[in-house]
Amino acid sequence: ARYWKAWNLFQLRRLDEARASLDEARRLLVNADVHYLGGVIAFRQQRPADALRDFDAAIALEERYCEAHFDRAAIRLIQHEWAPASTGFDEAFACHSARTPQLEQRLADARAARLADEAKAALVVRR
């Protein structure tokens, strides 16, 4: 619940409140999503060191967290750390490429689902 509260507060751009809720969630839940959201919040708050730490933690827990690879590389780019940025974008590309067949299959499954047209369309959008 604390994670989702933080996510919703982040969507509302209430960053300080989102960070506080996420810090509460960290005490109860350890997963890549928590670290990734922490990194995104820190990035928006212009705290790149904290953002990098959270993106690294997300990747350590889930190597195929493509968005964390990309956002970590973006911070390196902003910091003019060209080689780590380049490597990071390569990692993000490889990660997304590896996930593409799975994501395409999920879309195909959604389109083939035996559901009402409206429900099927909503499922496709979610996927």
N, C-alpha and C. Protein backbone atom coordinates (compact mmCIF):
# COMPACT_ATOMS: atom_id res chain seq x y z
N ALA A 1 0.82 -1.19 0.00
CA ALA A 1 0.00 0.00 0.00
C ALA A 1 0.87 1.26 0.00
N ARG A 2 1.96 1.24 0.74
CA ARG A 2 2.84 2.41 0.81
C ARG A 2 3.49 2.67 -0.56
N TYR A 3 3.86 1.59 -1.24
CA TYR A 3 4.45 1.73 -2.57
C TYR A 3 3.45 2.40 -3.51
N TRP A 4 2.22 1.91 -3.53
CA TRP A 4 1.23 2.46 -4.44
C TRP A 4 0.86 3.89 -4.07
N LYS A 5 0.87 4.19 -2.80
CA LYS A 5 0.65 5.58 -2.38
C LYS A 5 1.77 6.46 -2.93
N ALA A 6 3.00 5.98 -2.81
CA ALA A 6 4.15 6.73 -3.33
C ALA A 6 4.03 6.91 -4.84
N TRP A 7 3.64 5.85 -5.53
CA TRP A 7 3.50 5.92 -6.98
C TRP A 7 2.45 6.96 -7.37
N ASN A 8 1.31 6.94 -6.67
CA ASN A 8 0.25 7.90 -6.96
C ASN A 8 0.68 9.33 -6.65
N LEU A 9 1.35 9.52 -5.54
CA LEU A 9 1.86 10.86 -5.21
C LEU A 9 2.88 11.32 -6.24
N PHE A 10 3.70 10.41 -6.72
CA PHE A 10 4.66 10.75 -7.78
C PHE A 10 3.91 11.19 -9.03
N GLN A 11 2.86 10.48 -9.41
CA GLN A 11 2.08 10.85 -10.58
C GLN A 11 1.47 12.25 -10.43
N LEU A 12 1.16 12.61 -9.20
CA LEU A 12 0.61 13.94 -8.92
C LEU A 12 1.71 15.00 -8.77
N ARG A 13 2.96 14.57 -8.93
CA ARG A 13 4.14 15.45 -8.82
C ARG A 13 4.32 16.01 -7.40
N ARG A 14 3.85 15.27 -6.43
CA ARG A 14 4.05 15.64 -5.03
C ARG A 14 5.25 14.84 -4.54
N LEU A 15 6.42 15.27 -4.99
CA LEU A 15 7.63 14.47 -4.85
C LEU A 15 8.08 14.25 -3.41
N ASP A 16 8.01 15.27 -2.59
CA ASP A 16 8.45 15.10 -1.20
C ASP A 16 7.57 14.08 -0.47
N GLU A 17 6.26 14.16 -0.70
CA GLU A 17 5.35 13.20 -0.08
C GLU A 17 5.55 11.80 -0.66
N ALA A 18 5.80 11.74 -1.96
CA ALA A 18 6.05 10.44 -2.59
C ALA A 18 7.29 9.80 -2.00
N ARG A 19 8.33 10.60 -1.82
CA ARG A 19 9.57 10.07 -1.24
C ARG A 19 9.35 9.56 0.17
N ALA A 20 8.59 10.30 0.98
CA ALA A 20 8.32 9.88 2.35
C ALA A 20 7.55 8.56 2.37
N SER A 21 6.55 8.44 1.51
CA SER A 21 5.77 7.20 1.46
C SER A 21 6.63 6.05 0.97
N LEU A 22 7.48 6.32 0.01
CA LEU A 22 8.36 5.27 -0.50
C LEU A 22 9.35 4.82 0.58
N ASP A 23 9.86 5.75 1.35
CA ASP A 23 10.76 5.37 2.44
C ASP A 23 10.07 4.46 3.45
N GLU A 24 8.77 4.69 3.68
CA GLU A 24 8.01 3.78 4.54
C GLU A 24 7.86 2.41 3.87
N ALA A 25 7.63 2.41 2.57
CA ALA A 25 7.49 1.15 1.84
C ALA A 25 8.78 0.33 1.88
N ARG A 26 9.92 1.01 1.85
CA ARG A 26 11.21 0.31 1.87
C ARG A 26 11.38 -0.55 3.12
N ARG A 27 10.78 -0.14 4.22
CA ARG A 27 10.90 -0.90 5.46
C ARG A 27 10.09 -2.19 5.41
N LEU A 28 9.11 -2.23 4.50
CA LEU A 28 8.21 -3.38 4.44
C LEU A 28 8.39 -4.25 3.20
N LEU A 29 9.01 -3.70 2.18
CA LEU A 29 9.05 -4.38 0.89
C LEU A 29 10.40 -4.13 0.22
N VAL A 30 11.01 -5.20 -0.26
CA VAL A 30 12.26 -5.07 -1.00
C VAL A 30 12.05 -5.71 -2.36
N ASN A 31 11.99 -4.86 -3.38
CA ASN A 31 11.94 -5.36 -4.75
C ASN A 31 12.43 -4.28 -5.70
N ALA A 32 12.60 -4.66 -6.95
CA ALA A 32 13.16 -3.74 -7.93
C ALA A 32 12.26 -2.54 -8.17
N ASP A 33 10.94 -2.75 -8.11
CA ASP A 33 10.02 -1.64 -8.34
C ASP A 33 10.19 -0.53 -7.31
N VAL A 34 10.38 -0.90 -6.06
CA VAL A 34 10.57 0.09 -5.00
C VAL A 34 11.83 0.90 -5.27
N HIS A 35 12.91 0.22 -5.60
CA HIS A 35 14.16 0.93 -5.87
C HIS A 35 14.05 1.80 -7.13
N TYR A 36 13.40 1.27 -8.15
CA TYR A 36 13.26 2.05 -9.38
C TYR A 36 12.47 3.33 -9.13
N LEU A 37 11.34 3.22 -8.45
CA LEU A 37 10.55 4.42 -8.15
C LEU A 37 11.36 5.39 -7.31
N GLY A 38 12.12 4.88 -6.36
CA GLY A 38 12.99 5.75 -5.58
C GLY A 38 13.98 6.48 -6.45
N GLY A 39 14.53 5.79 -7.44
CA GLY A 39 15.46 6.42 -8.37
C GLY A 39 14.81 7.50 -9.20
N VAL A 40 13.61 7.24 -9.67
CA VAL A 40 12.90 8.21 -10.49
C VAL A 40 12.56 9.45 -9.67
N ILE A 41 12.11 9.23 -8.45
CA ILE A 41 11.80 10.37 -7.58
C ILE A 41 13.07 11.18 -7.32
N ALA A 42 14.15 10.50 -6.97
CA ALA A 42 15.40 11.20 -6.69
C ALA A 42 15.89 11.96 -7.93
N PHE A 43 15.74 11.37 -9.10
CA PHE A 43 16.14 12.04 -10.33
C PHE A 43 15.33 13.32 -10.53
N ARG A 44 14.04 13.25 -10.31
CA ARG A 44 13.18 14.43 -10.47
C ARG A 44 13.51 15.49 -9.42
N GLN A 45 13.99 15.04 -8.26
CA GLN A 45 14.37 15.98 -7.21
C GLN A 45 15.81 16.47 -7.38
N GLN A 46 16.41 16.12 -8.49
CA GLN A 46 17.79 16.53 -8.81
C GLN A 46 18.79 16.04 -7.77
N ARG A 47 18.64 14.77 -7.40
CA ARG A 47 19.57 14.10 -6.50
C ARG A 47 20.16 12.91 -7.25
N PRO A 48 21.07 13.16 -8.19
CA PRO A 48 21.56 12.09 -9.07
C PRO A 48 22.28 10.96 -8.34
N ALA A 49 23.00 11.25 -7.29
CA ALA A 49 23.71 10.18 -6.57
C ALA A 49 22.72 9.20 -5.96
N ASP A 50 21.65 9.72 -5.36
CA ASP A 50 20.62 8.84 -4.80
C ASP A 50 19.89 8.08 -5.89
N ALA A 51 19.63 8.75 -7.01
CA ALA A 51 18.96 8.08 -8.13
C ALA A 51 19.81 6.92 -8.64
N LEU A 52 21.10 7.17 -8.83
CA LEU A 52 21.99 6.10 -9.31
C LEU A 52 22.02 4.93 -8.34
N ARG A 53 22.06 5.22 -7.06
CA ARG A 53 22.09 4.17 -6.04
C ARG A 53 20.82 3.31 -6.14
N ASP A 54 19.68 3.97 -6.31
CA ASP A 54 18.43 3.22 -6.41
C ASP A 54 18.34 2.43 -7.73
N PHE A 55 18.77 3.02 -8.84
CA PHE A 55 18.74 2.29 -10.11
C PHE A 55 19.67 1.08 -10.05
N ASP A 56 20.85 1.26 -9.44
CA ASP A 56 21.77 0.12 -9.28
C ASP A 56 21.13 -0.99 -8.44
N ALA A 57 20.44 -0.60 -7.38
CA ALA A 57 19.78 -1.59 -6.52
C ALA A 57 18.67 -2.32 -7.28
N ALA A 58 17.92 -1.59 -8.10
CA ALA A 58 16.85 -2.22 -8.89
C ALA A 58 17.44 -3.25 -9.85
N ILE A 59 18.54 -2.88 -10.50
CA ILE A 59 19.18 -3.79 -11.45
C ILE A 59 19.79 -4.99 -10.73
N ALA A 60 20.34 -4.76 -9.55
CA ALA A 60 20.91 -5.87 -8.78
C ALA A 60 19.84 -6.90 -8.44
N LEU A 61 18.63 -6.43 -8.16
CA LEU A 61 17.53 -7.34 -7.83
C LEU A 61 16.89 -7.95 -9.07
N GLU A 62 16.87 -7.20 -10.15
CA GLU A 62 16.24 -7.68 -11.38
C GLU A 62 17.02 -7.16 -12.58
N GLU A 63 17.94 -7.96 -13.05
CA GLU A 63 18.85 -7.57 -14.13
C GLU A 63 18.11 -7.07 -15.37
N ARG A 64 16.91 -7.60 -15.60
CA ARG A 64 16.18 -7.23 -16.81
C ARG A 64 15.21 -6.07 -16.58
N TYR A 65 15.55 -5.19 -15.66
CA TYR A 65 14.76 -3.99 -15.42
C TYR A 65 15.28 -2.93 -16.39
N CYS A 66 14.78 -2.98 -17.60
CA CYS A 66 15.31 -2.19 -18.71
C CYS A 66 15.24 -0.69 -18.44
N GLU A 67 14.17 -0.24 -17.84
CA GLU A 67 14.01 1.18 -17.58
C GLU A 67 15.09 1.69 -16.63
N ALA A 68 15.49 0.88 -15.68
CA ALA A 68 16.55 1.28 -14.75
C ALA A 68 17.87 1.42 -15.48
N HIS A 69 18.16 0.52 -16.41
CA HIS A 69 19.37 0.64 -17.22
C HIS A 69 19.36 1.95 -18.00
N PHE A 70 18.23 2.24 -18.63
CA PHE A 70 18.12 3.44 -19.45
C PHE A 70 18.26 4.71 -18.61
N ASP A 71 17.53 4.78 -17.50
CA ASP A 71 17.56 5.98 -16.68
C ASP A 71 18.92 6.19 -16.03
N ARG A 72 19.57 5.10 -15.66
CA ARG A 72 20.92 5.20 -15.11
C ARG A 72 21.87 5.77 -16.17
N ALA A 73 21.73 5.30 -17.40
CA ALA A 73 22.57 5.81 -18.49
C ALA A 73 22.27 7.29 -18.75
N ALA A 74 21.00 7.68 -18.65
CA ALA A 74 20.64 9.08 -18.87
C ALA A 74 21.30 9.99 -17.84
N ILE A 75 21.37 9.55 -16.60
CA ILE A 75 22.05 10.34 -15.57
C ILE A 75 23.52 10.47 -15.91
N ARG A 76 24.14 9.38 -16.33
CA ARG A 76 25.55 9.43 -16.71
C ARG A 76 25.76 10.39 -17.87
N LEU A 77 24.83 10.42 -18.81
CA LEU A 77 24.92 11.33 -19.95
C LEU A 77 24.85 12.78 -19.48
N ILE A 78 23.91 13.08 -18.60
CA ILE A 78 23.77 14.43 -18.06
C ILE A 78 25.03 14.85 -17.32
N GLN A 79 25.68 13.88 -16.67
CA GLN A 79 26.90 14.16 -15.92
C GLN A 79 28.15 14.17 -16.81
N HIS A 80 27.94 14.03 -18.11
CA HIS A 80 29.04 14.02 -19.09
C HIS A 80 30.01 12.86 -18.87
N GLU A 81 29.49 11.76 -18.37
CA GLU A 81 30.27 10.54 -18.21
C GLU A 81 29.97 9.67 -19.43
N TRP A 82 30.67 9.97 -20.52
CA TRP A 82 30.32 9.43 -21.83
C TRP A 82 30.42 7.92 -21.92
N ALA A 83 31.51 7.35 -21.46
CA ALA A 83 31.68 5.89 -21.59
C ALA A 83 30.63 5.12 -20.78
N PRO A 84 30.42 5.44 -19.49
CA PRO A 84 29.37 4.73 -18.76
C PRO A 84 27.98 4.95 -19.36
N ALA A 85 27.74 6.15 -19.89
CA ALA A 85 26.44 6.41 -20.52
C ALA A 85 26.26 5.52 -21.74
N SER A 86 27.28 5.44 -22.56
CA SER A 86 27.21 4.61 -23.76
C SER A 86 26.98 3.15 -23.42
N THR A 87 27.72 2.66 -22.46
CA THR A 87 27.56 1.28 -22.02
C THR A 87 26.15 1.06 -21.47
N GLY A 88 25.67 2.01 -20.70
CA GLY A 88 24.34 1.89 -20.12
C GLY A 88 23.24 1.86 -21.16
N PHE A 89 23.37 2.69 -22.19
CA PHE A 89 22.36 2.67 -23.25
C PHE A 89 22.43 1.37 -24.04
N ASP A 90 23.64 0.84 -24.23
CA ASP A 90 23.78 -0.47 -24.87
C ASP A 90 23.08 -1.55 -24.04
N GLU A 91 23.26 -1.50 -22.72
CA GLU A 91 22.61 -2.47 -21.84
C GLU A 91 21.09 -2.34 -21.91
N ALA A 92 20.59 -1.11 -21.95
CA ALA A 92 19.14 -0.89 -22.03
C ALA A 92 18.60 -1.43 -23.35
N PHE A 93 19.33 -1.20 -24.44
CA PHE A 93 18.90 -1.70 -25.75
C PHE A 93 18.88 -3.23 -25.75
N ALA A 94 19.93 -3.84 -25.23
CA ALA A 94 19.98 -5.31 -25.18
C ALA A 94 18.85 -5.86 -24.31
N CYS A 95 18.59 -5.19 -23.21
CA CYS A 95 17.51 -5.62 -22.31
C CYS A 95 16.16 -5.56 -23.03
N HIS A 96 15.88 -4.44 -23.67
CA HIS A 96 14.61 -4.30 -24.39
C HIS A 96 14.52 -5.29 -25.54
N SER A 97 15.61 -5.51 -26.24
CA SER A 97 15.61 -6.47 -27.35
C SER A 97 15.30 -7.88 -26.85
N ALA A 98 15.85 -8.23 -25.71
CA ALA A 98 15.61 -9.56 -25.14
C ALA A 98 14.15 -9.72 -24.71
N ARG A 99 13.51 -8.64 -24.29
CA ARG A 99 12.12 -8.70 -23.82
C ARG A 99 11.10 -8.61 -24.94
N THR A 100 11.53 -8.15 -26.11
CA THR A 100 10.58 -7.90 -27.19
C THR A 100 9.74 -9.13 -27.57
N PRO A 101 10.33 -10.31 -27.77
CA PRO A 101 9.48 -11.46 -28.13
C PRO A 101 8.42 -11.77 -27.07
N GLN A 102 8.78 -11.67 -25.82
CA GLN A 102 7.82 -11.93 -24.73
C GLN A 102 6.70 -10.91 -24.76
N LEU A 103 7.04 -9.65 -24.95
CA LEU A 103 6.02 -8.60 -24.98
C LEU A 103 5.11 -8.75 -26.20
N GLU A 104 5.70 -9.11 -27.34
CA GLU A 104 4.89 -9.33 -28.54
C GLU A 104 3.93 -10.50 -28.34
N GLN A 105 4.37 -11.55 -27.65
CA GLN A 105 3.50 -12.69 -27.40
C GLN A 105 2.36 -12.31 -26.46
N ARG A 106 2.66 -11.51 -25.46
CA ARG A 106 1.60 -11.05 -24.54
C ARG A 106 0.54 -10.24 -25.29
N LEU A 107 0.98 -9.42 -26.24
CA LEU A 107 0.03 -8.66 -27.05
C LEU A 107 -0.80 -9.59 -27.93
N ALA A 108 -0.15 -10.56 -28.56
CA ALA A 108 -0.87 -11.51 -29.41
C ALA A 108 -1.89 -12.29 -28.59
N ASP A 109 -1.51 -12.71 -27.39
CA ASP A 109 -2.43 -13.43 -26.52
C ASP A 109 -3.63 -12.56 -26.15
N ALA A 110 -3.37 -11.28 -25.88
CA ALA A 110 -4.46 -10.37 -25.53
C ALA A 110 -5.41 -10.19 -26.71
N ARG A 111 -4.86 -10.06 -27.89
CA ARG A 111 -5.71 -9.89 -29.08
C ARG A 111 -6.53 -11.14 -29.38
N ALA A 112 -6.01 -12.30 -29.01
CA ALA A 112 -6.70 -13.56 -29.28
C ALA A 112 -7.62 -14.00 -28.14
N ALA A 113 -7.62 -13.26 -27.06
CA ALA A 113 -8.42 -13.64 -25.89
C ALA A 113 -9.91 -13.68 -26.24
N ARG A 114 -10.58 -14.64 -25.64
CA ARG A 114 -12.02 -14.75 -25.87
C ARG A 114 -12.74 -13.89 -24.84
N LEU A 115 -12.77 -12.61 -25.14
CA LEU A 115 -13.40 -11.61 -24.27
C LEU A 115 -14.27 -10.71 -25.13
N ALA A 116 -15.12 -9.98 -24.47
CA ALA A 116 -15.89 -8.96 -25.18
C ALA A 116 -14.90 -7.96 -25.79
N ASP A 117 -15.28 -7.37 -26.91
CA ASP A 117 -14.38 -6.47 -27.63
C ASP A 117 -13.83 -5.36 -26.74
N GLU A 118 -14.66 -4.79 -25.91
CA GLU A 118 -14.23 -3.70 -25.03
C GLU A 118 -13.20 -4.19 -24.01
N ALA A 119 -13.44 -5.35 -23.42
CA ALA A 119 -12.49 -5.92 -22.45
C ALA A 119 -11.19 -6.29 -23.13
N LYS A 120 -11.29 -6.85 -24.33
CA LYS A 120 -10.09 -7.22 -25.08
C LYS A 120 -9.26 -5.98 -25.42
N ALA A 121 -9.92 -4.92 -25.84
CA ALA A 121 -9.20 -3.67 -26.17
C ALA A 121 -8.49 -3.13 -24.93
N ALA A 122 -9.14 -3.18 -23.79
CA ALA A 122 -8.52 -2.70 -22.54
C ALA A 122 -7.31 -3.54 -22.18
N LEU A 123 -7.39 -4.85 -22.39
CA LEU A 123 -6.28 -5.74 -22.10
C LEU A 123 -5.09 -5.43 -23.01
N VAL A 124 -5.36 -5.22 -24.28
CA VAL A 124 -4.29 -4.88 -25.23
C VAL A 124 -3.61 -3.58 -24.82
N VAL A 125 -4.39 -2.58 -24.44
CA VAL A 125 -3.81 -1.29 -24.02
C VAL A 125 -2.92 -1.49 -22.80
N ARG A 126 -3.37 -2.27 -21.83
CA ARG A 126 -2.57 -2.51 -20.62
C ARG A 126 -1.26 -3.20 -20.95
N ARG A 127 -1.31 -4.13 -21.87
CA ARG A 127 -0.10 -4.88 -22.20
C ARG A 127 0.78 -4.10 -23.14
